[in-house]
Amino acid sequence: MTPDAKILAALRDHPEGVSGEQLATSLAISRAAVWARMESLRQAGYDITAGPHNGYRLVGTPDLLHADDLLSRVSGRVRVIGRDIQVFKETTSTNDIIEKMARDGLREGFVVFAESQTKGRGRLGRKWISPPGKGLWLSVLLRPALRPQETTQLTIASATALLRSIIQVTGLQPQIKWPNDLLIGDRKVAGILTELSAEPDRVHHVTLGIGVDVNMKESEWPLELRSVATSLRMVAGFEISRVELAATLLENLDRDYARICRGGFGEVADEWEEHCTTLGREVTVQMGHRTIQGRAESLDDDGALLVRTEHGLLERVMGGDLTLKKRPADAS
């Protein structure tokens, strides 16, 4: 960890206060250097008090994403995802940055956040609205020992990790729409975009992109999205800590990625199915020029959706644009 990350971790570990001397000793720097780091953190928006008896105390944090802050929150709690973090004020797309890092040979687990994206994207080339300071826009570099057809498992695992994080931080109860959306009611609150570089028999790397509408207001969406999109704040009725949600998400992603890597997809799939709004529903899946209609029954071992058509055939669906048929209660 960087000195600032270590300082923030120490302040959180000692809410009653920690002396400059203790910090100087643990960081192997001078007390003057500790004071300089504290001033830098204050200028970044951290409310840090100092007193002769209690030393330094962290009494408030800004609603801004800082790599050092995130590292201080997850250090010791993650093994792969979140051990390296970078935050950009603005970028085209966090997936683009991770893709470059992958080509440069960086190790897996690197996470890139952006406060805003100018060309954020979702599945099937759709644009993802990413205004400054209103959501979590992040991407993760992964190098799993999976076959290309098994990488759908990563989308499933990411959806369960994201859902669990939202529940833990907000108390809200989203549902998962296969393969990559989280819904509250019938409105989308988060999405996942998985892109990979692979040969027919092995994966070089996977870029896992996640977008969560955290504190957006309805007026901040284009008119055409207001009936289909929502944010955690709009549903909860209060502002959500993006930093807390980000740290919780990294821990859950790391946990579920470890489960996938050790062959535990079945555990993840069971949790996914508990919260899936797609299974048991009549669906239409558009895959290029082909349309599949039927009842979504379950996932297979690779994470593909199994759809029973009206002719009794069981279709294995790996991707496409899925639409849920409205239930009678929904249409009334």
C-alpha atoms as a PDB file:
ATOM      1  CA  MET A   1       0.000   0.000   0.000  1.00  0.00           C
ATOM      2  CA  THR A   2       1.015   3.626  -0.466  1.00  0.00           C
ATOM      3  CA  PRO A   3       1.751   5.815   2.601  1.00  0.00           C
ATOM      4  CA  ASP A   4      -1.651   7.523   2.288  1.00  0.00           C
ATOM      5  CA  ALA A   5      -3.442   4.174   2.104  1.00  0.00           C
ATOM      6  CA  LYS A   6      -1.558   2.989   5.194  1.00  0.00           C
ATOM      7  CA  ILE A   7      -2.451   6.188   7.046  1.00  0.00           C
ATOM      8  CA  LEU A   8      -6.145   5.874   6.193  1.00  0.00           C
ATOM      9  CA  ALA A   9      -6.118   2.206   7.208  1.00  0.00           C
ATOM     10  CA  ALA A  10      -4.497   3.120  10.558  1.00  0.00           C
ATOM     11  CA  LEU A  11      -7.024   5.893  11.179  1.00  0.00           C
ATOM     12  CA  ARG A  12      -9.896   3.465  10.559  1.00  0.00           C
ATOM     13  CA  ASP A  13      -8.297   0.817  12.746  1.00  0.00           C
ATOM     14  CA  HIS A  14      -7.967   3.366  15.585  1.00  0.00           C
ATOM     15  CA  PRO A  15     -11.161   5.451  15.618  1.00  0.00           C
ATOM     16  CA  GLU A  16     -10.185   6.746  19.073  1.00  0.00           C
ATOM     17  CA  GLY A  17      -7.077   8.297  17.528  1.00  0.00           C
ATOM     18  CA  VAL A  18      -3.497   7.445  16.619  1.00  0.00           C
ATOM     19  CA  SER A  19      -0.417   9.532  17.389  1.00  0.00           C
ATOM     20  CA  GLY A  20       1.899  11.014  14.817  1.00  0.00           C
ATOM     21  CA  GLU A  21       4.757   9.153  16.460  1.00  0.00           C
ATOM     22  CA  GLN A  22       2.998   5.799  16.011  1.00  0.00           C
ATOM     23  CA  LEU A  23       2.312   6.567  12.374  1.00  0.00           C
ATOM     24  CA  ALA A  24       5.875   7.732  11.756  1.00  0.00           C
ATOM     25  CA  THR A  25       7.247   4.528  13.265  1.00  0.00           C
ATOM     26  CA  SER A  26       4.923   2.187  11.349  1.00  0.00           C
ATOM     27  CA  LEU A  27       5.520   3.996   8.043  1.00  0.00           C
ATOM     28  CA  ALA A  28       9.256   4.545   8.623  1.00  0.00           C
ATOM     29  CA  ILE A  29       8.948   8.269   7.870  1.00  0.00           C
ATOM     30  CA  SER A  30       9.382  11.427   9.949  1.00  0.00           C
ATOM     31  CA  ARG A  31       6.595  13.043  11.968  1.00  0.00           C
ATOM     32  CA  ALA A  32       6.912  16.047   9.665  1.00  0.00           C
ATOM     33  CA  ALA A  33       6.237  13.754   6.709  1.00  0.00           C
ATOM     34  CA  VAL A  34       3.175  12.362   8.515  1.00  0.00           C
ATOM     35  CA  TRP A  35       1.903  15.898   9.038  1.00  0.00           C
ATOM     36  CA  ALA A  36       2.456  16.668   5.324  1.00  0.00           C
ATOM     37  CA  ARG A  37       0.495  13.577   4.316  1.00  0.00           C
ATOM     38  CA  MET A  38      -2.331  14.580   6.664  1.00  0.00           C
ATOM     39  CA  GLU A  39      -2.487  18.017   5.068  1.00  0.00           C
ATOM     40  CA  SER A  40      -2.647  16.428   1.619  1.00  0.00           C
ATOM     41  CA  LEU A  41      -5.510  14.181   2.714  1.00  0.00           C
ATOM     42  CA  ARG A  42      -7.365  17.146   4.201  1.00  0.00           C
ATOM     43  CA  GLN A  43      -7.029  19.020   0.932  1.00  0.00           C
ATOM     44  CA  ALA A  44      -8.519  15.975  -0.810  1.00  0.00           C
ATOM     45  CA  GLY A  45     -11.599  16.286   1.407  1.00  0.00           C
ATOM     46  CA  TYR A  46     -10.858  14.028   4.380  1.00  0.00           C
ATOM     47  CA  ASP A  47     -11.891  15.507   7.728  1.00  0.00           C
ATOM     48  CA  ILE A  48      -8.976  14.667  10.026  1.00  0.00           C
ATOM     49  CA  THR A  49      -8.654  16.227  13.465  1.00  0.00           C
ATOM     50  CA  ALA A  50      -5.495  16.417  15.547  1.00  0.00           C
ATOM     51  CA  GLY A  51      -5.114  16.828  19.308  1.00  0.00           C
ATOM     52  CA  PRO A  52      -2.350  16.473  21.901  1.00  0.00           C
ATOM     53  CA  HIS A  53      -4.109  13.632  23.724  1.00  0.00           C
ATOM     54  CA  ASN A  54      -5.841  11.570  21.022  1.00  0.00           C
ATOM     55  CA  GLY A  55      -3.553  12.263  18.089  1.00  0.00           C
ATOM     56  CA  TYR A  56      -5.057  12.109  14.614  1.00  0.00           C
ATOM     57  CA  ARG A  57      -8.675  11.059  14.128  1.00  0.00           C
ATOM     58  CA  LEU A  58     -10.666  10.485  10.928  1.00  0.00           C
ATOM     59  CA  VAL A  59     -14.095  12.022  11.429  1.00  0.00           C
ATOM     60  CA  GLY A  60     -15.360  12.349   7.860  1.00  0.00           C
ATOM     61  CA  THR A  61     -14.658  11.229   4.291  1.00  0.00           C
ATOM     62  CA  PRO A  62     -15.629  12.793   0.961  1.00  0.00           C
ATOM     63  CA  ASP A  63     -17.970  11.155  -1.540  1.00  0.00           C
ATOM     64  CA  LEU A  64     -15.101  10.823  -3.978  1.00  0.00           C
ATOM     65  CA  LEU A  65     -13.327   7.748  -5.235  1.00  0.00           C
ATOM     66  CA  HIS A  66      -9.647   7.743  -4.255  1.00  0.00           C
ATOM     67  CA  ALA A  67      -7.408   4.774  -4.972  1.00  0.00           C
ATOM     68  CA  ASP A  68      -5.600   5.095  -1.624  1.00  0.00           C
ATOM     69  CA  ASP A  69      -8.889   5.178   0.274  1.00  0.00           C
ATOM     70  CA  LEU A  70     -10.226   2.114  -1.533  1.00  0.00           C
ATOM     71  CA  LEU A  71      -6.957   0.246  -1.009  1.00  0.00           C
ATOM     72  CA  SER A  72      -7.059   1.081   2.703  1.00  0.00           C
ATOM     73  CA  ARG A  73     -10.567  -0.368   2.939  1.00  0.00           C
ATOM     74  CA  VAL A  74      -9.919  -3.677   1.149  1.00  0.00           C
ATOM     75  CA  SER A  75      -6.290  -4.391   2.044  1.00  0.00           C
ATOM     76  CA  GLY A  76      -6.051  -7.752   3.766  1.00  0.00           C
ATOM     77  CA  ARG A  77      -9.574  -8.653   2.633  1.00  0.00           C
ATOM     78  CA  VAL A  78      -8.909  -9.377  -1.052  1.00  0.00           C
ATOM     79  CA  ARG A  79      -6.408 -11.682  -2.715  1.00  0.00           C
ATOM     80  CA  VAL A  80      -6.758 -10.800  -6.393  1.00  0.00           C
ATOM     81  CA  ILE A  81      -9.474  -8.306  -7.327  1.00  0.00           C
ATOM     82  CA  GLY A  82      -8.662  -4.933  -5.782  1.00  0.00           C
ATOM     83  CA  ARG A  83      -5.012  -5.437  -4.901  1.00  0.00           C
ATOM     84  CA  ASP A  84      -4.213  -2.797  -7.543  1.00  0.00           C
ATOM     85  CA  ILE A  85      -6.574   0.160  -8.045  1.00  0.00           C
ATOM     86  CA  GLN A  86      -6.483   3.264 -10.219  1.00  0.00           C
ATOM     87  CA  VAL A  87      -9.086   6.040 -10.330  1.00  0.00           C
ATOM     88  CA  PHE A  88      -9.576   8.459 -13.227  1.00  0.00           C
ATOM     89  CA  LYS A  89     -11.510  11.695 -13.015  1.00  0.00           C
ATOM     90  CA  GLU A  90     -12.748  11.104 -16.564  1.00  0.00           C
ATOM     91  CA  THR A  91     -12.092   8.605 -19.309  1.00  0.00           C
ATOM     92  CA  THR A  92     -13.749   7.315 -22.452  1.00  0.00           C
ATOM     93  CA  SER A  93     -14.472   3.887 -20.967  1.00  0.00           C
ATOM     94  CA  THR A  94     -12.862   1.982 -18.107  1.00  0.00           C
ATOM     95  CA  ASN A  95     -13.015  -1.142 -20.287  1.00  0.00           C
ATOM     96  CA  ASP A  96     -10.736   0.603 -22.808  1.00  0.00           C
ATOM     97  CA  ILE A  97      -8.128   1.283 -20.106  1.00  0.00           C
ATOM     98  CA  ILE A  98      -8.199  -2.300 -18.801  1.00  0.00           C
ATOM     99  CA  GLU A  99      -7.859  -3.612 -22.343  1.00  0.00           C
ATOM    100  CA  LYS A 100      -4.648  -1.586 -22.769  1.00  0.00           C
ATOM    101  CA  MET A 101      -3.356  -2.769 -19.390  1.00  0.00           C
ATOM    102  CA  ALA A 102      -4.012  -6.359 -20.447  1.00  0.00           C
ATOM    103  CA  ARG A 103      -2.002  -5.908 -23.640  1.00  0.00           C
ATOM    104  CA  ASP A 104       0.810  -4.366 -21.565  1.00  0.00           C
ATOM    105  CA  GLY A 105       0.969  -7.525 -19.454  1.00  0.00           C
ATOM    106  CA  LEU A 106      -0.319  -6.230 -16.117  1.00  0.00           C
ATOM    107  CA  ARG A 107      -1.317  -8.865 -13.604  1.00  0.00           C
ATOM    108  CA  GLU A 108      -4.931  -9.817 -13.072  1.00  0.00           C
ATOM    109  CA  GLY A 109      -6.984  -8.156 -10.384  1.00  0.00           C
ATOM    110  CA  PHE A 110      -6.228  -4.590 -11.487  1.00  0.00           C
ATOM    111  CA  VAL A 111      -9.319  -2.402 -11.077  1.00  0.00           C
ATOM    112  CA  VAL A 112      -9.969   0.904 -12.828  1.00  0.00           C
ATOM    113  CA  PHE A 113     -12.656   3.321 -11.626  1.00  0.00           C
ATOM    114  CA  ALA A 114     -13.747   6.525 -13.350  1.00  0.00           C
ATOM    115  CA  GLU A 115     -15.748   9.357 -11.831  1.00  0.00           C
ATOM    116  CA  SER A 116     -17.260   9.788 -15.293  1.00  0.00           C
ATOM    117  CA  GLN A 117     -17.096   8.218 -18.753  1.00  0.00           C
ATOM    118  CA  THR A 118     -17.564  10.013 -22.036  1.00  0.00           C
ATOM    119  CA  LYS A 119     -18.098   6.821 -24.051  1.00  0.00           C
ATOM    120  CA  GLY A 120     -19.365   4.307 -21.512  1.00  0.00           C
ATOM    121  CA  ARG A 121     -20.909   1.304 -23.190  1.00  0.00           C
ATOM    122  CA  GLY A 122     -23.186  -1.598 -22.408  1.00  0.00           C
ATOM    123  CA  ARG A 123     -23.952  -4.810 -24.249  1.00  0.00           C
ATOM    124  CA  LEU A 124     -24.791  -4.853 -27.964  1.00  0.00           C
ATOM    125  CA  GLY A 125     -23.129  -1.471 -28.500  1.00  0.00           C
ATOM    126  CA  ARG A 126     -25.544   0.452 -26.315  1.00  0.00           C
ATOM    127  CA  LYS A 127     -24.377   3.677 -24.685  1.00  0.00           C
ATOM    128  CA  TRP A 128     -24.076   3.797 -20.874  1.00  0.00           C
ATOM    129  CA  ILE A 129     -24.793   7.188 -19.314  1.00  0.00           C
ATOM    130  CA  SER A 130     -22.005   7.885 -16.777  1.00  0.00           C
ATOM    131  CA  PRO A 131     -22.299  11.375 -15.221  1.00  0.00           C
ATOM    132  CA  PRO A 132     -19.633  12.592 -12.754  1.00  0.00           C
ATOM    133  CA  GLY A 133     -19.948  11.434  -9.164  1.00  0.00           C
ATOM    134  CA  LYS A 134     -23.319   9.719  -9.601  1.00  0.00           C
ATOM    135  CA  GLY A 135     -22.427   6.066  -9.937  1.00  0.00           C
ATOM    136  CA  LEU A 136     -19.796   3.383  -9.933  1.00  0.00           C
ATOM    137  CA  TRP A 137     -18.152   2.894 -13.316  1.00  0.00           C
ATOM    138  CA  LEU A 138     -15.385   0.295 -13.070  1.00  0.00           C
ATOM    139  CA  SER A 139     -13.575  -2.469 -14.924  1.00  0.00           C
ATOM    140  CA  VAL A 140     -11.479  -5.405 -13.751  1.00  0.00           C
ATOM    141  CA  LEU A 141      -8.659  -7.280 -15.497  1.00  0.00           C
ATOM    142  CA  LEU A 142      -8.936 -11.061 -15.129  1.00  0.00           C
ATOM    143  CA  ARG A 143      -6.821 -13.907 -16.479  1.00  0.00           C
ATOM    144  CA  PRO A 144      -8.854 -17.014 -15.566  1.00  0.00           C
ATOM    145  CA  ALA A 145      -7.911 -20.571 -16.490  1.00  0.00           C
ATOM    146  CA  LEU A 146     -11.230 -21.073 -18.270  1.00  0.00           C
ATOM    147  CA  ARG A 147     -12.296 -22.139 -21.739  1.00  0.00           C
ATOM    148  CA  PRO A 148     -13.901 -19.312 -23.747  1.00  0.00           C
ATOM    149  CA  GLN A 149     -17.363 -20.909 -23.477  1.00  0.00           C
ATOM    150  CA  GLU A 150     -17.012 -20.938 -19.677  1.00  0.00           C
ATOM    151  CA  THR A 151     -16.523 -17.182 -19.310  1.00  0.00           C
ATOM    152  CA  THR A 152     -20.276 -16.670 -18.946  1.00  0.00           C
ATOM    153  CA  GLN A 153     -19.608 -17.994 -15.447  1.00  0.00           C
ATOM    154  CA  LEU A 154     -17.806 -14.717 -14.720  1.00  0.00           C
ATOM    155  CA  THR A 155     -20.869 -12.675 -15.688  1.00  0.00           C
ATOM    156  CA  ILE A 156     -23.028 -14.849 -13.418  1.00  0.00           C
ATOM    157  CA  ALA A 157     -20.536 -14.523 -10.548  1.00  0.00           C
ATOM    158  CA  SER A 158     -20.264 -10.765 -11.010  1.00  0.00           C
ATOM    159  CA  ALA A 159     -24.035 -10.389 -10.919  1.00  0.00           C
ATOM    160  CA  THR A 160     -24.282 -12.305  -7.628  1.00  0.00           C
ATOM    161  CA  ALA A 161     -21.400 -10.319  -6.109  1.00  0.00           C
ATOM    162  CA  LEU A 162     -22.969  -7.032  -7.161  1.00  0.00           C
ATOM    163  CA  LEU A 163     -26.405  -8.003  -5.903  1.00  0.00           C
ATOM    164  CA  ARG A 164     -24.986  -9.116  -2.547  1.00  0.00           C
ATOM    165  CA  SER A 165     -23.071  -5.829  -2.224  1.00  0.00           C
ATOM    166  CA  ILE A 166     -26.164  -3.715  -2.882  1.00  0.00           C
ATOM    167  CA  ILE A 167     -28.114  -5.673  -0.275  1.00  0.00           C
ATOM    168  CA  GLN A 168     -25.336  -5.293   2.312  1.00  0.00           C
ATOM    169  CA  VAL A 169     -24.877  -1.547   1.818  1.00  0.00           C
ATOM    170  CA  THR A 170     -28.426  -0.350   1.090  1.00  0.00           C
ATOM    171  CA  GLY A 171     -30.832  -3.047   2.278  1.00  0.00           C
ATOM    172  CA  LEU A 172     -32.521  -2.962  -1.127  1.00  0.00           C
ATOM    173  CA  GLN A 173     -33.425  -6.240  -2.832  1.00  0.00           C
ATOM    174  CA  PRO A 174     -32.570  -6.160  -6.552  1.00  0.00           C
ATOM    175  CA  GLN A 175     -33.175  -9.048  -8.893  1.00  0.00           C
ATOM    176  CA  ILE A 176     -30.998 -10.403 -11.681  1.00  0.00           C
ATOM    177  CA  LYS A 177     -32.127 -10.462 -15.295  1.00  0.00           C
ATOM    178  CA  TRP A 178     -30.053 -12.911 -17.319  1.00  0.00           C
ATOM    179  CA  PRO A 179     -27.310 -12.443 -18.228  1.00  0.00           C
ATOM    180  CA  ASN A 180     -26.028  -9.098 -17.074  1.00  0.00           C
ATOM    181  CA  ASP A 181     -28.642  -6.708 -15.642  1.00  0.00           C
ATOM    182  CA  LEU A 182     -29.778  -5.928 -12.113  1.00  0.00           C
ATOM    183  CA  LEU A 183     -33.334  -4.678 -11.779  1.00  0.00           C
ATOM    184  CA  ILE A 184     -35.347  -3.094  -9.010  1.00  0.00           C
ATOM    185  CA  GLY A 185     -38.965  -3.585  -9.918  1.00  0.00           C
ATOM    186  CA  ASP A 186     -38.908  -3.508 -13.703  1.00  0.00           C
ATOM    187  CA  ARG A 187     -36.195  -0.838 -13.972  1.00  0.00           C
ATOM    188  CA  LYS A 188     -32.511  -1.374 -14.579  1.00  0.00           C
ATOM    189  CA  VAL A 189     -30.125  -0.188 -11.863  1.00  0.00           C
ATOM    190  CA  ALA A 190     -26.867  -1.868 -12.918  1.00  0.00           C
ATOM    191  CA  GLY A 191     -25.278  -3.741 -15.790  1.00  0.00           C
ATOM    192  CA  ILE A 192     -22.262  -5.908 -16.540  1.00  0.00           C
ATOM    193  CA  LEU A 193     -20.238  -6.038 -19.758  1.00  0.00           C
ATOM    194  CA  THR A 194     -17.752  -8.892 -20.202  1.00  0.00           C
ATOM    195  CA  GLU A 195     -15.262  -8.664 -23.061  1.00  0.00           C
ATOM    196  CA  LEU A 196     -12.567 -11.240 -23.720  1.00  0.00           C
ATOM    197  CA  SER A 197      -9.464 -11.943 -25.729  1.00  0.00           C
ATOM    198  CA  ALA A 198      -9.211 -15.648 -26.447  1.00  0.00           C
ATOM    199  CA  GLU A 199      -8.160 -18.457 -28.744  1.00  0.00           C
ATOM    200  CA  PRO A 200     -10.565 -21.327 -29.462  1.00  0.00           C
ATOM    201  CA  ASP A 201      -9.257 -23.357 -26.532  1.00  0.00           C
ATOM    202  CA  ARG A 202      -8.052 -20.780 -23.988  1.00  0.00           C
ATOM    203  CA  VAL A 203      -8.660 -17.301 -22.623  1.00  0.00           C
ATOM    204  CA  HIS A 204      -5.911 -14.688 -22.715  1.00  0.00           C
ATOM    205  CA  HIS A 205      -7.742 -12.161 -20.557  1.00  0.00           C
ATOM    206  CA  VAL A 206     -11.198 -10.955 -19.634  1.00  0.00           C
ATOM    207  CA  THR A 207     -12.253  -7.345 -19.170  1.00  0.00           C
ATOM    208  CA  LEU A 208     -15.114  -7.205 -16.698  1.00  0.00           C
ATOM    209  CA  GLY A 209     -17.004  -3.892 -16.805  1.00  0.00           C
ATOM    210  CA  ILE A 210     -19.623  -2.896 -14.237  1.00  0.00           C
ATOM    211  CA  GLY A 211     -21.873   0.146 -14.124  1.00  0.00           C
ATOM    212  CA  VAL A 212     -24.111   0.980 -11.158  1.00  0.00           C
ATOM    213  CA  ASP A 213     -26.515   3.929 -11.066  1.00  0.00           C
ATOM    214  CA  VAL A 214     -26.011   4.951  -7.443  1.00  0.00           C
ATOM    215  CA  ASN A 215     -27.127   8.525  -6.789  1.00  0.00           C
ATOM    216  CA  MET A 216     -28.633   9.653 -10.091  1.00  0.00           C
ATOM    217  CA  LYS A 217     -31.906  11.565 -10.140  1.00  0.00           C
ATOM    218  CA  GLU A 218     -34.595  10.884 -12.703  1.00  0.00           C
ATOM    219  CA  SER A 219     -34.005  14.278 -14.341  1.00  0.00           C
ATOM    220  CA  GLU A 220     -30.387  13.270 -15.105  1.00  0.00           C
ATOM    221  CA  TRP A 221     -31.399  10.576 -17.600  1.00  0.00           C
ATOM    222  CA  PRO A 222     -32.434  11.204 -21.191  1.00  0.00           C
ATOM    223  CA  LEU A 223     -36.210  11.128 -21.603  1.00  0.00           C
ATOM    224  CA  GLU A 224     -36.138   7.766 -23.385  1.00  0.00           C
ATOM    225  CA  LEU A 225     -34.484   6.063 -20.379  1.00  0.00           C
ATOM    226  CA  ARG A 226     -36.598   7.456 -17.538  1.00  0.00           C
ATOM    227  CA  SER A 227     -39.202   4.705 -17.760  1.00  0.00           C
ATOM    228  CA  VAL A 228     -36.660   1.861 -17.821  1.00  0.00           C
ATOM    229  CA  ALA A 229     -33.821   3.038 -15.544  1.00  0.00           C
ATOM    230  CA  THR A 230     -33.554   3.848 -11.853  1.00  0.00           C
ATOM    231  CA  SER A 231     -30.884   4.454  -9.213  1.00  0.00           C
ATOM    232  CA  LEU A 232     -30.268   3.131  -5.729  1.00  0.00           C
ATOM    233  CA  ARG A 233     -30.924   6.590  -4.319  1.00  0.00           C
ATOM    234  CA  MET A 234     -34.261   6.936  -6.105  1.00  0.00           C
ATOM    235  CA  VAL A 235     -35.485   3.654  -4.631  1.00  0.00           C
ATOM    236  CA  ALA A 236     -33.931   3.965  -1.165  1.00  0.00           C
ATOM    237  CA  GLY A 237     -34.887   7.608  -0.691  1.00  0.00           C
ATOM    238  CA  PHE A 238     -31.468   8.632   0.588  1.00  0.00           C
ATOM    239  CA  GLU A 239     -27.945   9.172  -0.768  1.00  0.00           C
ATOM    240  CA  ILE A 240     -25.767   6.061  -0.910  1.00  0.00           C
ATOM    241  CA  SER A 241     -22.048   6.024  -0.058  1.00  0.00           C
ATOM    242  CA  ARG A 242     -20.373   5.179  -3.327  1.00  0.00           C
ATOM    243  CA  VAL A 243     -17.060   4.506  -1.568  1.00  0.00           C
ATOM    244  CA  GLU A 244     -18.605   1.997   0.830  1.00  0.00           C
ATOM    245  CA  LEU A 245     -20.409   0.269  -2.032  1.00  0.00           C
ATOM    246  CA  ALA A 246     -17.225   0.168  -4.119  1.00  0.00           C
ATOM    247  CA  ALA A 247     -15.170  -1.425  -1.341  1.00  0.00           C
ATOM    248  CA  THR A 248     -17.903  -3.945  -0.542  1.00  0.00           C
ATOM    249  CA  LEU A 249     -18.206  -4.819  -4.223  1.00  0.00           C
ATOM    250  CA  LEU A 250     -14.464  -5.470  -4.580  1.00  0.00           C
ATOM    251  CA  GLU A 251     -14.532  -7.854  -1.629  1.00  0.00           C
ATOM    252  CA  ASN A 252     -17.527  -9.753  -3.009  1.00  0.00           C
ATOM    253  CA  LEU A 253     -16.094  -9.896  -6.525  1.00  0.00           C
ATOM    254  CA  ASP A 254     -12.832 -11.276  -5.159  1.00  0.00           C
ATOM    255  CA  ARG A 255     -14.711 -13.896  -3.151  1.00  0.00           C
ATOM    256  CA  ASP A 256     -16.854 -15.080  -6.055  1.00  0.00           C
ATOM    257  CA  TYR A 257     -13.956 -15.035  -8.532  1.00  0.00           C
ATOM    258  CA  ALA A 258     -12.071 -17.335  -6.159  1.00  0.00           C
ATOM    259  CA  ARG A 259     -15.096 -19.651  -6.117  1.00  0.00           C
ATOM    260  CA  ILE A 260     -15.131 -19.791  -9.926  1.00  0.00           C
ATOM    261  CA  CYS A 261     -11.388 -20.431 -10.127  1.00  0.00           C
ATOM    262  CA  ARG A 262     -11.586 -23.383  -7.761  1.00  0.00           C
ATOM    263  CA  GLY A 263     -14.443 -24.969  -9.694  1.00  0.00           C
ATOM    264  CA  GLY A 264     -17.267 -23.803  -7.460  1.00  0.00           C
ATOM    265  CA  PHE A 265     -19.569 -22.401 -10.133  1.00  0.00           C
ATOM    266  CA  GLY A 266     -22.402 -24.565  -8.819  1.00  0.00           C
ATOM    267  CA  GLU A 267     -22.399 -22.638  -5.526  1.00  0.00           C
ATOM    268  CA  VAL A 268     -22.517 -19.330  -7.372  1.00  0.00           C
ATOM    269  CA  ALA A 269     -25.245 -20.526  -9.748  1.00  0.00           C
ATOM    270  CA  ASP A 270     -27.431 -21.625  -6.831  1.00  0.00           C
ATOM    271  CA  GLU A 271     -27.224 -18.144  -5.287  1.00  0.00           C
ATOM    272  CA  TRP A 272     -27.824 -16.530  -8.683  1.00  0.00           C
ATOM    273  CA  GLU A 273     -30.965 -18.612  -9.238  1.00  0.00           C
ATOM    274  CA  GLU A 274     -32.388 -17.524  -5.867  1.00  0.00           C
ATOM    275  CA  HIS A 275     -32.409 -13.904  -7.044  1.00  0.00           C
ATOM    276  CA  CYS A 276     -33.080 -14.335 -10.761  1.00  0.00           C
ATOM    277  CA  THR A 277     -36.220 -12.799 -12.237  1.00  0.00           C
ATOM    278  CA  THR A 278     -35.687 -14.617 -15.555  1.00  0.00           C
ATOM    279  CA  LEU A 279     -36.102 -18.270 -14.581  1.00  0.00           C
ATOM    280  CA  GLY A 280     -39.626 -19.599 -14.868  1.00  0.00           C
ATOM    281  CA  ARG A 281     -40.640 -16.712 -17.149  1.00  0.00           C
ATOM    282  CA  GLU A 282     -41.613 -16.641 -20.800  1.00  0.00           C
ATOM    283  CA  VAL A 283     -38.786 -14.950 -22.711  1.00  0.00           C
ATOM    284  CA  THR A 284     -37.825 -13.823 -26.182  1.00  0.00           C
ATOM    285  CA  VAL A 285     -34.142 -13.893 -27.104  1.00  0.00           C
ATOM    286  CA  GLN A 286     -32.941 -12.098 -30.219  1.00  0.00           C
ATOM    287  CA  MET A 287     -29.613 -13.468 -31.470  1.00  0.00           C
ATOM    288  CA  GLY A 288     -28.742 -11.705 -34.685  1.00  0.00           C
ATOM    289  CA  HIS A 289     -31.367 -12.757 -37.214  1.00  0.00           C
ATOM    290  CA  ARG A 290     -32.581 -15.641 -35.053  1.00  0.00           C
ATOM    291  CA  THR A 291     -35.354 -15.388 -32.449  1.00  0.00           C
ATOM    292  CA  ILE A 292     -35.937 -17.917 -29.663  1.00  0.00           C
ATOM    293  CA  GLN A 293     -39.143 -17.894 -27.651  1.00  0.00           C
ATOM    294  CA  GLY A 294     -39.972 -20.089 -24.703  1.00  0.00           C
ATOM    295  CA  ARG A 295     -39.714 -20.605 -20.976  1.00  0.00           C
ATOM    296  CA  ALA A 296     -36.383 -19.970 -19.224  1.00  0.00           C
ATOM    297  CA  GLU A 297     -35.699 -23.072 -17.137  1.00  0.00           C
ATOM    298  CA  SER A 298     -32.169 -22.991 -15.664  1.00  0.00           C
ATOM    299  CA  LEU A 299     -28.446 -22.467 -16.204  1.00  0.00           C
ATOM    300  CA  ASP A 300     -26.137 -25.139 -17.520  1.00  0.00           C
ATOM    301  CA  ASP A 301     -22.641 -25.824 -16.185  1.00  0.00           C
ATOM    302  CA  ASP A 302     -21.112 -23.073 -18.331  1.00  0.00           C
ATOM    303  CA  GLY A 303     -23.650 -20.416 -17.331  1.00  0.00           C
ATOM    304  CA  ALA A 304     -25.711 -20.590 -20.520  1.00  0.00           C
ATOM    305  CA  LEU A 305     -29.472 -20.099 -20.228  1.00  0.00           C
ATOM    306  CA  LEU A 306     -31.631 -23.128 -21.042  1.00  0.00           C
ATOM    307  CA  VAL A 307     -34.896 -22.162 -22.743  1.00  0.00           C
ATOM    308  CA  ARG A 308     -37.732 -24.647 -23.397  1.00  0.00           C
ATOM    309  CA  THR A 309     -39.456 -23.664 -26.632  1.00  0.00           C
ATOM    310  CA  GLU A 310     -43.129 -24.149 -27.441  1.00  0.00           C
ATOM    311  CA  HIS A 311     -42.110 -27.245 -29.437  1.00  0.00           C
ATOM    312  CA  GLY A 312     -40.527 -28.831 -26.359  1.00  0.00           C
ATOM    313  CA  LEU A 313     -36.943 -28.322 -27.500  1.00  0.00           C
ATOM    314  CA  LEU A 314     -34.343 -27.197 -24.955  1.00  0.00           C
ATOM    315  CA  GLU A 315     -32.295 -24.358 -26.460  1.00  0.00           C
ATOM    316  CA  ARG A 316     -28.916 -23.390 -25.003  1.00  0.00           C
ATOM    317  CA  VAL A 317     -28.552 -19.600 -25.103  1.00  0.00           C
ATOM    318  CA  MET A 318     -25.096 -18.062 -24.585  1.00  0.00           C
ATOM    319  CA  GLY A 319     -25.956 -14.464 -25.442  1.00  0.00           C
ATOM    320  CA  GLY A 320     -28.365 -12.165 -27.187  1.00  0.00           C
ATOM    321  CA  ASP A 321     -30.951  -9.550 -26.311  1.00  0.00           C
ATOM    322  CA  LEU A 322     -33.455 -11.037 -23.845  1.00  0.00           C
ATOM    323  CA  THR A 323     -36.941  -9.645 -23.243  1.00  0.00           C
ATOM    324  CA  LEU A 324     -39.168 -10.854 -20.431  1.00  0.00           C
ATOM    325  CA  LYS A 325     -42.825 -11.425 -21.273  1.00  0.00           C
ATOM    326  CA  LYS A 326     -44.995  -9.428 -18.915  1.00  0.00           C
ATOM    327  CA  ARG A 327     -46.893 -11.461 -16.349  1.00  0.00           C
ATOM    328  CA  PRO A 328     -50.643 -10.820 -16.021  1.00  0.00           C
ATOM    329  CA  ALA A 329     -50.084  -8.819 -12.827  1.00  0.00           C
ATOM    330  CA  ASP A 330     -47.475  -6.683 -14.604  1.00  0.00           C
ATOM    331  CA  ALA A 331     -49.765  -5.901 -17.515  1.00  0.00           C
ATOM    332  CA  SER A 332     -52.746  -4.856 -15.419  1.00  0.00           C
END
